[in-house]
Protein backbone atom coordinates (compact mmCIF):
# COMPACT_ATOMS: atom_id res chain seq x y z
CA MET A 1 -38.21 -36.73 -60.71
CA GLU A 2 -41.46 -34.84 -61.17
CA ALA A 3 -42.05 -36.51 -64.52
CA ALA A 4 -41.59 -39.92 -62.93
CA GLN A 5 -44.07 -39.04 -60.20
CA LYS A 6 -46.61 -37.88 -62.81
CA ARG A 7 -46.22 -41.13 -64.74
CA ALA A 8 -46.67 -43.11 -61.52
CA ALA A 9 -49.83 -41.12 -60.72
CA VAL A 10 -51.26 -42.01 -64.17
CA TYR A 11 -50.69 -45.73 -63.60
CA GLY A 12 -52.14 -45.66 -60.09
CA PRO A 13 -50.95 -47.67 -57.12
CA PRO A 14 -49.23 -50.96 -57.94
CA VAL A 15 -51.42 -54.03 -58.00
CA TRP A 16 -51.02 -56.07 -54.84
CA GLN A 17 -49.26 -59.37 -55.33
CA PRO A 18 -48.62 -62.12 -52.82
CA ILE A 19 -45.00 -62.21 -51.78
CA TRP A 20 -44.30 -65.56 -53.47
CA LYS A 21 -45.32 -64.16 -56.86
CA ARG A 22 -43.13 -61.09 -56.72
CA PRO A 23 -39.93 -61.22 -58.72
CA ARG A 24 -36.93 -62.17 -56.63
CA LYS A 25 -34.23 -59.65 -55.90
CA PRO A 26 -31.01 -60.99 -57.44
CA LEU A 27 -28.34 -62.08 -54.98
CA THR A 28 -24.92 -60.46 -54.88
CA LYS A 29 -21.90 -62.61 -55.73
CA ALA A 30 -20.91 -62.72 -52.07
CA GLN A 31 -24.39 -63.93 -51.09
CA LYS A 32 -24.31 -66.60 -53.82
CA LYS A 33 -20.92 -67.83 -52.62
CA GLU A 34 -22.09 -67.88 -49.01
CA ARG A 35 -25.20 -69.86 -49.96
CA LEU A 36 -23.12 -72.36 -51.95
CA ARG A 37 -20.61 -72.70 -49.11
CA LYS A 38 -23.39 -73.52 -46.65
CA GLN A 39 -24.92 -75.98 -49.12
CA ARG A 40 -21.57 -77.70 -49.60
CA GLU A 41 -21.11 -77.96 -45.82
CA ARG A 42 -24.59 -79.41 -45.48
CA LEU A 43 -24.01 -82.00 -48.19
CA GLN A 44 -20.60 -82.99 -46.84
CA ALA A 45 -22.03 -83.41 -43.35
CA ALA A 46 -24.78 -85.64 -44.77
CA GLY A 47 -22.15 -87.70 -46.59
CA ARG A 48 -20.14 -88.11 -43.40
CA ARG A 49 -23.24 -89.17 -41.49
CA ARG A 50 -24.06 -91.74 -44.17
CA PHE A 51 -20.50 -93.05 -44.19
CA PHE A 52 -20.33 -93.54 -40.43
CA ALA A 53 -23.82 -95.02 -40.28
CA ARG A 54 -22.68 -97.60 -42.82
CA GLN A 55 -19.50 -98.29 -40.83
CA SER A 56 -21.34 -98.92 -37.59
CA ARG A 57 -23.47 -101.74 -38.98
CA ARG A 58 -22.41 -105.31 -38.45
CA PRO A 59 -20.55 -106.48 -41.53
CA ARG A 60 -22.86 -108.80 -43.42
CA PRO A 61 -21.60 -110.51 -46.55
CA THR A 62 -24.02 -109.82 -49.36
CA LYS A 63 -23.66 -113.18 -51.11
CA ASN A 64 -23.98 -115.50 -48.13
CA ARG A 65 -27.50 -116.46 -49.22
CA ILE A 66 -26.33 -118.55 -52.17
CA GLY A 67 -25.25 -121.72 -50.35
CA SER A 68 -27.56 -121.42 -47.37
CA ALA A 69 -30.83 -122.75 -48.79
CA ALA A 70 -30.65 -125.79 -46.52
CA THR A 71 -29.98 -123.60 -43.50
CA ARG A 72 -32.96 -121.45 -44.40
CA ARG A 73 -35.13 -124.55 -44.73
CA ASP A 74 -34.01 -125.81 -41.31
CA ALA A 75 -34.65 -122.40 -39.76
CA ARG A 76 -38.10 -122.33 -41.32
CA ALA A 77 -38.92 -125.79 -39.95
CA LEU A 78 -37.69 -124.80 -36.49
CA ALA A 79 -39.76 -121.62 -36.59
CA ARG A 80 -42.84 -123.63 -37.56
CA LEU A 81 -42.22 -125.96 -34.65
CA ARG A 82 -41.65 -123.06 -32.30
CA HIS A 83 -44.89 -121.34 -33.31
CA SER A 84 -47.00 -124.49 -33.31
CA SER A 85 -48.89 -125.86 -30.31
CA ALA A 86 -46.85 -129.09 -30.42
CA TRP A 87 -43.79 -127.25 -29.07
CA GLN A 88 -45.41 -126.24 -25.78
């Protein structure tokens, strides 16, 4: 013990380091498992939220745009009319 103290005295006080540069203390296995369990819970909850958010939207067919070019054209013409001064 004395020898260790002498060696420490030779080196002087440890150089100050900001806390984010200090080496991390390794986690125990129990801590690792706990951290992973919480992470898994977090990810599963996010997945559930995403799933139910998707469910709540109105079902819109993705390919309904193929045959509706004429409808789009009509809607565009109506919108032009609606926004023009002739409609008032």
